[in-house]
Amino acid sequence: MDIDRPTNVSFFDFVGGVQLLQGEDTRTAMPVILIGICVSGAVGNLLVLLIFIRDFRNGKGSEVKALLASLASTDLVILLLCAPVRAVTYYRQTWTLGSFVCSTTDWFQHSCVVAKTLILAATTRAKHTFVPSTATGPLYSPTWIHGALAFIWIVSMMFPIPQMLFASLVPHGSDTICVSQMPVCASDFMSLFYKIYPTATFVVPISFTLAYYTKTLHSAVNHAPSPHHQSKVTLVLLCLSGALGLMLLPEWGTFTWIRLGYNKPPVGLIIFAQVLLYACSSLSPVILMTMYDDVRQGLIAIWLIASCRGSKQLPSDKCPKTEDNGAELGANAVANAVSPEKEKTFPDVEHFWTGRRNTHVEEEQDPVPWEREEKMLGGLL
């Protein structure tokens, strides 16, 4: 990375990944790492979304699940739309994706990252319990969730607008690079903005979420009427918030460092921060699948359904229906085992009784001739 900052700009930074890197190792290793993170994370987030959709269809939805489904959708968008841009940039070492992607890639990624932080903060108000069967819908009050998500995404797309305004293509020899450069005339205002922006969208929400769930976990363990279930859900959300805060801290740190006009951080730290950002989106489904009981049970149910449908050698009656409980399955099995015996007929016994019913004694034939002989002898004597 060999380029100097122009004299008429207050800061200068690459957009969409570090460009003009020297060395074939980085050119090969970075795309492979990013593609591996994208594939594994996309599969995990898709499974989480399928599990939550299945729970809502079965009437087992909750407000927390709705927000976690939105979080998984955001992670999926980051992995499928943002990470591949960085992989292409690291492989090409210059910008080859056009001016529109250059102007919007950092803005879109920051919008998704800010939305993730605010969605986790919104879970502090959401209910963790299931909806009773007498309820009319999957949520107690879906209106506030829709409004909260709309507000979160509006705020998330408005805050990173400077990333879109200051991004542009710059020729560099025979190639083109995508950079963000802010003119000196806007440096005073933007210096204040870049102090408020990370604080309002990262530091405050993450600190509030961690403090809230730490206090809630302590109260759930010691004072809640059903501490087992509630403390588990709270622990999952606390781990999600802690992982998000730790793994996004290098990205926000290098971002603020550059925008405030300090010396540019090392290239290795910038690349490491970008890798952690995408790894965070891949870690969230792992936390949900290993710690959240509902997600783990849904994963087992989906696996059973997929294995039964994929196995053509097994008859259909050997694959259990996941919608039925064990008592219903046992009752059906007993009924199927007993009903054939009721209708079963023994051929030998049937032949015996049929023969006995059809037998008749002829009038000319004495069935007990010895009694007749005894009577005759008695008369003679």
Protein backbone atom coordinates (compact mmCIF):
# COMPACT_ATOMS: atom_id res chain seq x y z
CA MET A 1 0.00 0.00 0.00
CA ASP A 2 2.03 2.88 -1.33
CA ILE A 3 0.10 6.14 -1.63
CA ASP A 4 0.27 9.57 -0.04
CA ARG A 5 -2.58 11.71 1.20
CA PRO A 6 -3.37 14.74 -0.97
CA THR A 7 -2.66 18.12 0.57
CA ASN A 8 -6.21 19.47 0.18
CA VAL A 9 -7.96 16.75 2.19
CA SER A 10 -8.12 16.22 5.94
CA PHE A 11 -8.16 12.44 5.83
CA PHE A 12 -7.67 9.76 3.18
CA ASP A 13 -8.78 6.14 3.42
CA PHE A 14 -9.49 3.20 1.16
CA VAL A 15 -13.10 2.15 0.58
CA GLY A 16 -14.24 -1.45 0.11
CA GLY A 17 -11.03 -3.01 1.36
CA VAL A 18 -7.35 -2.12 1.44
CA GLN A 19 -5.96 -1.72 -2.06
CA LEU A 20 -2.48 -1.55 -3.60
CA LEU A 21 -1.21 -4.26 -1.27
CA GLN A 22 2.11 -5.85 -2.05
CA GLY A 23 2.66 -9.60 -1.81
CA GLU A 24 1.01 -12.66 -3.28
CA ASP A 25 0.38 -14.20 0.14
CA THR A 26 -2.12 -11.53 1.12
CA ARG A 27 -3.71 -11.60 -2.32
CA THR A 28 -4.38 -15.35 -2.00
CA ALA A 29 -5.01 -15.76 1.74
CA MET A 30 -7.48 -12.94 2.31
CA PRO A 31 -10.06 -14.01 -0.32
CA VAL A 32 -9.90 -17.61 0.92
CA ILE A 33 -10.44 -16.53 4.54
CA LEU A 34 -13.32 -14.23 3.65
CA ILE A 35 -15.01 -16.83 1.44
CA GLY A 36 -14.74 -19.45 4.19
CA ILE A 37 -16.28 -17.06 6.71
CA CYS A 38 -19.06 -16.17 4.26
CA VAL A 39 -20.03 -19.76 3.47
CA SER A 40 -20.05 -21.00 7.07
CA GLY A 41 -21.80 -17.91 8.37
CA ALA A 42 -24.43 -17.91 5.63
CA VAL A 43 -25.32 -21.55 6.31
CA GLY A 44 -25.61 -20.90 10.05
CA ASN A 45 -27.79 -17.81 9.69
CA LEU A 46 -30.05 -19.54 7.17
CA LEU A 47 -30.61 -22.40 9.61
CA VAL A 48 -31.41 -19.96 12.41
CA LEU A 49 -33.93 -18.18 10.18
CA LEU A 50 -35.58 -21.48 9.22
CA ILE A 51 -35.85 -22.47 12.88
CA PHE A 52 -37.46 -19.16 13.85
CA ILE A 53 -39.88 -19.30 10.90
CA ARG A 54 -40.88 -22.82 11.96
CA ASP A 55 -41.45 -21.66 15.55
CA PHE A 56 -43.68 -18.80 14.43
CA ARG A 57 -45.71 -21.11 12.20
CA ASN A 58 -46.19 -23.50 15.13
CA GLY A 59 -47.30 -20.69 17.45
CA LYS A 60 -44.10 -20.67 19.53
CA GLY A 61 -42.92 -17.19 18.61
CA SER A 62 -41.87 -14.42 20.95
CA GLU A 63 -40.70 -10.85 20.65
CA VAL A 64 -37.09 -11.80 21.30
CA LYS A 65 -37.24 -14.38 18.51
CA ALA A 66 -38.56 -11.76 16.09
CA LEU A 67 -35.64 -9.45 16.86
CA LEU A 68 -33.11 -12.29 16.71
CA ALA A 69 -34.52 -13.28 13.31
CA SER A 70 -33.91 -9.68 12.16
CA LEU A 71 -30.37 -9.91 13.54
CA ALA A 72 -29.74 -13.14 11.60
CA SER A 73 -31.11 -11.54 8.43
CA THR A 74 -28.74 -8.59 8.87
CA ASP A 75 -25.78 -10.92 9.38
CA LEU A 76 -26.78 -12.83 6.26
CA VAL A 77 -26.86 -9.61 4.22
CA ILE A 78 -23.42 -8.60 5.49
CA LEU A 79 -21.93 -11.97 4.57
CA LEU A 80 -23.55 -12.22 1.13
CA LEU A 81 -23.28 -8.61 -0.07
CA CYS A 82 -20.46 -6.88 1.83
CA ALA A 83 -17.79 -9.53 2.38
CA PRO A 84 -17.56 -10.62 -1.30
CA VAL A 85 -16.71 -7.01 -2.27
CA ARG A 86 -13.69 -7.12 0.07
CA ALA A 87 -12.65 -10.53 -1.24
CA VAL A 88 -12.65 -9.25 -4.84
CA THR A 89 -10.75 -6.11 -3.82
CA TYR A 90 -8.04 -8.05 -2.00
CA TYR A 91 -7.66 -10.39 -4.96
CA ARG A 92 -7.53 -7.68 -7.63
CA GLN A 93 -5.54 -5.25 -5.43
CA THR A 94 -7.30 -2.38 -7.25
CA TRP A 95 -10.93 -1.34 -7.72
CA THR A 96 -12.83 -3.08 -10.52
CA LEU A 97 -16.46 -2.91 -9.37
CA GLY A 98 -17.53 0.48 -10.73
CA SER A 99 -18.41 3.86 -9.25
CA PHE A 100 -21.82 2.91 -7.81
CA VAL A 101 -20.43 0.09 -5.66
CA CYS A 102 -17.53 2.35 -4.68
CA SER A 103 -19.94 5.02 -3.41
CA THR A 104 -22.31 2.69 -1.55
CA THR A 105 -20.29 -0.26 -0.23
CA ASP A 106 -19.01 1.33 3.01
CA TRP A 107 -22.31 3.15 3.59
CA PHE A 108 -24.28 -0.09 3.25
CA GLN A 109 -21.93 -2.07 5.48
CA HIS A 110 -21.98 0.58 8.20
CA SER A 111 -25.79 0.67 8.01
CA CYS A 112 -25.95 -3.07 8.68
CA VAL A 113 -23.40 -2.90 11.50
CA VAL A 114 -25.24 -0.06 13.24
CA ALA A 115 -28.55 -1.92 12.78
CA LYS A 116 -27.10 -5.00 14.51
CA THR A 117 -26.07 -2.97 17.55
CA LEU A 118 -29.44 -1.21 17.83
CA ILE A 119 -31.41 -4.46 17.34
CA LEU A 120 -29.57 -6.05 20.27
CA ALA A 121 -30.34 -2.95 22.34
CA ALA A 122 -34.03 -3.29 21.39
CA THR A 123 -34.12 -6.86 22.77
CA THR A 124 -33.87 -5.37 26.28
CA ARG A 125 -37.52 -4.31 25.97
CA ALA A 126 -38.76 -7.51 24.30
CA LYS A 127 -40.57 -10.33 26.06
CA HIS A 128 -38.79 -13.68 26.32
CA THR A 129 -41.83 -15.87 26.93
CA PHE A 130 -43.95 -17.82 24.46
CA VAL A 131 -47.43 -16.75 23.47
CA PRO A 132 -50.21 -18.80 25.09
CA SER A 133 -52.43 -20.90 22.86
CA THR A 134 -55.42 -18.62 23.45
CA ALA A 135 -53.67 -15.66 21.84
CA THR A 136 -54.71 -14.60 18.38
CA GLY A 137 -51.26 -14.02 16.95
CA PRO A 138 -47.64 -15.04 17.32
CA LEU A 139 -46.69 -11.96 19.30
CA TYR A 140 -48.25 -10.03 22.14
CA SER A 141 -47.76 -6.71 20.39
CA PRO A 142 -46.14 -6.96 16.94
CA THR A 143 -46.81 -3.28 16.22
CA TRP A 144 -44.01 -1.96 18.38
CA ILE A 145 -41.55 -4.45 16.88
CA HIS A 146 -42.37 -3.34 13.35
CA GLY A 147 -42.06 0.28 14.40
CA ALA A 148 -38.80 -0.36 16.24
CA LEU A 149 -37.24 -2.14 13.26
CA ALA A 150 -38.34 0.62 10.89
CA PHE A 151 -36.86 3.28 13.20
CA ILE A 152 -33.63 1.30 13.63
CA TRP A 153 -33.07 0.93 9.89
CA ILE A 154 -33.87 4.59 9.18
CA VAL A 155 -31.35 5.73 11.79
CA SER A 156 -28.81 3.15 10.62
CA MET A 157 -28.99 4.36 7.02
CA MET A 158 -28.84 8.07 7.91
CA PHE A 159 -25.80 8.05 10.18
CA PRO A 160 -23.28 6.62 7.65
CA ILE A 161 -24.24 9.04 4.83
CA PRO A 162 -20.77 10.71 4.88
CA GLN A 163 -19.27 7.36 3.85
CA MET A 164 -21.31 7.67 0.66
CA LEU A 165 -20.69 11.38 0.07
CA PHE A 166 -16.90 11.31 0.36
CA ALA A 167 -16.28 8.05 -1.56
CA SER A 168 -15.00 8.39 -5.14
CA LEU A 169 -12.83 6.72 -7.78
CA VAL A 170 -9.29 7.98 -8.17
CA PRO A 171 -6.93 7.00 -11.00
CA HIS A 172 -3.63 5.51 -9.91
CA GLY A 173 -1.33 4.93 -12.87
CA SER A 174 -3.08 2.56 -15.24
CA ASP A 175 -5.45 1.33 -12.51
CA THR A 176 -8.26 2.82 -10.45
CA ILE A 177 -8.72 2.86 -6.68
CA CYS A 178 -11.74 3.65 -4.51
CA VAL A 179 -11.02 6.04 -1.67
CA SER A 180 -12.79 8.27 0.83
CA GLN A 181 -11.32 11.74 1.09
CA MET A 182 -12.82 14.67 2.98
CA PRO A 183 -12.01 18.25 1.98
CA VAL A 184 -10.39 20.56 4.51
CA CYS A 185 -13.36 22.94 4.52
CA ALA A 186 -15.58 20.28 6.13
CA SER A 187 -13.00 19.02 8.58
CA ASP A 188 -14.26 20.93 11.66
CA PHE A 189 -17.84 19.77 11.38
CA MET A 190 -16.93 16.23 10.41
CA SER A 191 -14.42 15.99 13.24
CA LEU A 192 -17.29 16.60 15.68
CA PHE A 193 -19.52 14.20 13.75
CA TYR A 194 -16.98 11.36 13.86
CA LYS A 195 -16.83 11.74 17.64
CA ILE A 196 -20.61 11.56 18.02
CA TYR A 197 -21.21 8.83 15.41
CA PRO A 198 -19.28 5.94 17.03
CA THR A 199 -20.42 6.97 20.49
CA ALA A 200 -24.12 7.07 19.60
CA THR A 201 -24.20 3.95 17.44
CA PHE A 202 -21.69 1.66 19.17
CA VAL A 203 -20.40 2.71 22.60
CA VAL A 204 -23.70 3.74 24.20
CA PRO A 205 -25.91 0.89 22.86
CA ILE A 206 -23.38 -1.83 23.63
CA SER A 207 -22.65 -0.47 27.12
CA PHE A 208 -26.36 -0.18 27.89
CA THR A 209 -27.10 -3.70 26.58
CA LEU A 210 -24.26 -5.33 28.50
CA ALA A 211 -25.15 -3.51 31.73
CA TYR A 212 -28.85 -4.36 31.37
CA TYR A 213 -28.34 -8.07 30.75
CA THR A 214 -25.72 -8.37 33.48
CA LYS A 215 -28.18 -6.91 35.99
CA THR A 216 -31.07 -8.96 34.58
CA LEU A 217 -29.07 -12.19 34.76
CA HIS A 218 -28.22 -11.53 38.39
CA SER A 219 -31.88 -10.84 39.20
CA ALA A 220 -33.10 -13.86 37.22
CA VAL A 221 -30.80 -16.26 39.02
CA ASN A 222 -31.65 -14.99 42.49
CA HIS A 223 -35.18 -13.62 42.40
CA ALA A 224 -37.07 -14.77 39.29
CA PRO A 225 -40.01 -17.22 39.79
CA SER A 226 -38.68 -19.45 36.97
CA PRO A 227 -34.96 -18.67 36.97
CA HIS A 228 -33.88 -21.58 34.78
CA HIS A 229 -35.51 -20.58 31.49
CA GLN A 230 -35.26 -16.82 31.94
CA SER A 231 -31.61 -16.89 32.98
CA LYS A 232 -30.70 -19.03 29.96
CA VAL A 233 -32.28 -16.60 27.49
CA THR A 234 -30.66 -13.66 29.26
CA LEU A 235 -27.28 -15.40 29.17
CA VAL A 236 -27.63 -15.96 25.41
CA LEU A 237 -28.38 -12.29 24.78
CA LEU A 238 -25.54 -11.24 27.08
CA CYS A 239 -23.08 -13.44 25.15
CA LEU A 240 -24.33 -12.07 21.83
CA SER A 241 -23.87 -8.50 23.03
CA GLY A 242 -20.43 -9.21 24.47
CA ALA A 243 -19.21 -10.95 21.31
CA LEU A 244 -20.54 -8.12 19.14
CA GLY A 245 -18.86 -5.47 21.27
CA LEU A 246 -15.47 -7.20 21.39
CA MET A 247 -15.32 -8.18 17.72
CA LEU A 248 -16.48 -4.81 16.39
CA LEU A 249 -14.21 -2.78 18.67
CA PRO A 250 -11.14 -2.97 16.34
CA GLU A 251 -13.25 -1.89 13.32
CA TRP A 252 -14.72 1.10 15.12
CA GLY A 253 -11.33 1.94 16.63
CA THR A 254 -9.48 2.05 13.32
CA PHE A 255 -12.40 3.87 11.67
CA THR A 256 -12.39 6.65 14.28
CA TRP A 257 -8.60 6.75 14.36
CA ILE A 258 -8.39 7.54 10.66
CA ARG A 259 -11.32 9.99 10.58
CA LEU A 260 -10.01 12.09 13.45
CA GLY A 261 -6.83 12.80 11.50
CA TYR A 262 -4.31 10.84 13.55
CA ASN A 263 -1.50 8.83 12.03
CA LYS A 264 -2.75 5.96 9.93
CA PRO A 265 -2.95 2.64 11.82
CA PRO A 266 -0.92 -0.36 10.61
CA VAL A 267 -2.29 -2.18 7.58
CA GLY A 268 -2.31 -5.47 9.49
CA LEU A 269 -4.59 -3.99 12.16
CA ILE A 270 -7.01 -2.68 9.50
CA ILE A 271 -7.21 -6.09 7.80
CA PHE A 272 -7.60 -7.87 11.15
CA ALA A 273 -10.46 -5.53 12.10
CA GLN A 274 -12.29 -6.24 8.83
CA VAL A 275 -11.92 -10.00 9.27
CA LEU A 276 -13.31 -9.78 12.81
CA LEU A 277 -16.31 -7.82 11.55
CA TYR A 278 -17.34 -10.68 9.23
CA ALA A 279 -16.39 -13.35 11.76
CA CYS A 280 -18.81 -11.70 14.19
CA SER A 281 -21.67 -12.34 11.75
CA SER A 282 -20.63 -16.00 11.57
CA LEU A 283 -20.30 -16.38 15.34
CA SER A 284 -23.84 -15.24 16.19
CA PRO A 285 -25.60 -18.37 14.82
CA VAL A 286 -23.06 -20.57 16.60
CA ILE A 287 -23.94 -18.94 19.93
CA LEU A 288 -27.66 -19.37 19.27
CA MET A 289 -27.34 -23.02 18.23
CA THR A 290 -25.21 -24.01 21.20
CA MET A 291 -26.77 -21.95 24.01
CA TYR A 292 -30.40 -21.24 23.05
CA ASP A 293 -32.54 -24.31 23.85
CA ASP A 294 -35.31 -23.45 21.38
CA VAL A 295 -32.88 -23.04 18.50
CA ARG A 296 -31.07 -26.25 19.40
CA GLN A 297 -34.31 -28.24 19.54
CA GLY A 298 -35.44 -26.71 16.25
CA LEU A 299 -32.13 -27.68 14.67
CA ILE A 300 -32.61 -31.29 15.80
CA ALA A 301 -36.16 -31.32 14.40
CA ILE A 302 -35.01 -29.95 11.03
CA TRP A 303 -32.25 -32.55 10.94
CA LEU A 304 -34.72 -35.38 11.57
CA ILE A 305 -37.06 -34.12 8.85
CA ALA A 306 -34.21 -33.74 6.35
CA SER A 307 -32.76 -37.19 7.15
CA CYS A 308 -36.16 -38.89 6.80
CA ARG A 309 -36.90 -37.21 3.50
CA GLY A 310 -33.42 -37.82 2.17
CA SER A 311 -33.36 -41.54 3.04
CA LYS A 312 -35.27 -43.45 0.35
CA GLN A 313 -34.50 -46.89 1.79
CA LEU A 314 -36.44 -46.37 4.99
CA PRO A 315 -40.23 -46.85 4.82
CA SER A 316 -42.32 -43.84 5.64
CA ASP A 317 -43.69 -45.32 8.87
CA LYS A 318 -40.20 -45.41 10.40
CA CYS A 319 -39.71 -41.65 10.20
CA PRO A 320 -41.39 -40.03 13.21
CA LYS A 321 -43.52 -36.96 12.75
CA THR A 322 -41.94 -34.14 14.69
CA GLU A 323 -45.26 -32.37 15.16
CA ASP A 324 -46.68 -35.26 17.27
CA ASN A 325 -45.60 -35.92 20.81
CA GLY A 326 -44.33 -39.20 22.14
CA ALA A 327 -47.64 -40.22 23.72
CA GLU A 328 -49.50 -39.93 20.40
CA LEU A 329 -46.82 -41.90 18.60
CA GLY A 330 -46.93 -44.62 21.26
CA ALA A 331 -50.74 -44.80 21.18
CA ASN A 332 -50.75 -45.13 17.41
CA ALA A 333 -48.16 -47.87 17.56
CA VAL A 334 -50.12 -49.83 20.18
CA ALA A 335 -53.36 -49.45 18.22
CA ASN A 336 -51.72 -50.69 15.06
CA ALA A 337 -50.26 -53.66 16.91
CA VAL A 338 -53.47 -54.68 18.67
CA SER A 339 -56.10 -54.16 15.96
CA PRO A 340 -54.83 -56.91 13.59
CA GLU A 341 -55.00 -59.51 16.41
CA LYS A 342 -58.65 -58.71 16.98
CA GLU A 343 -59.49 -59.51 13.41
CA LYS A 344 -57.18 -62.54 13.20
CA THR A 345 -58.97 -65.91 12.69
CA PHE A 346 -57.44 -69.29 13.44
CA PRO A 347 -58.28 -71.64 10.52
CA ASP A 348 -58.10 -74.92 12.51
CA VAL A 349 -60.54 -73.80 15.18
CA GLU A 350 -62.89 -72.35 12.58
CA HIS A 351 -62.89 -75.66 10.68
CA PHE A 352 -63.54 -77.60 13.89
CA TRP A 353 -66.58 -75.54 14.95
CA THR A 354 -67.93 -75.42 11.43
CA GLY A 355 -67.76 -79.20 11.25
CA ARG A 356 -69.53 -79.51 14.59
CA ARG A 357 -72.33 -77.18 13.54
CA ASN A 358 -72.92 -79.01 10.27
CA THR A 359 -73.06 -82.51 11.79
CA HIS A 360 -76.55 -84.12 12.27
CA VAL A 361 -77.71 -87.51 13.39
CA GLU A 362 -79.89 -89.53 11.05
CA GLU A 363 -83.09 -91.02 12.45
CA GLU A 364 -82.20 -94.56 11.38
CA GLN A 365 -78.77 -94.42 12.98
CA ASP A 366 -78.51 -94.88 16.75
CA PRO A 367 -75.66 -92.71 18.04
CA VAL A 368 -75.17 -95.00 21.13
CA PRO A 369 -75.84 -98.60 20.09
CA TRP A 370 -74.48 -100.11 23.34
CA GLU A 371 -77.34 -98.58 25.35
CA ARG A 372 -79.86 -100.32 23.07
CA GLU A 373 -78.09 -103.65 23.53
CA GLU A 374 -78.18 -103.26 27.35
CA LYS A 375 -81.95 -102.63 27.28
CA MET A 376 -82.54 -105.70 25.17
CA LEU A 377 -80.54 -107.93 27.50
CA GLY A 378 -82.38 -106.57 30.51
CA GLY A 379 -85.77 -107.44 28.96
CA LEU A 380 -84.71 -111.02 28.26
CA LEU A 381 -83.53 -111.53 31.74
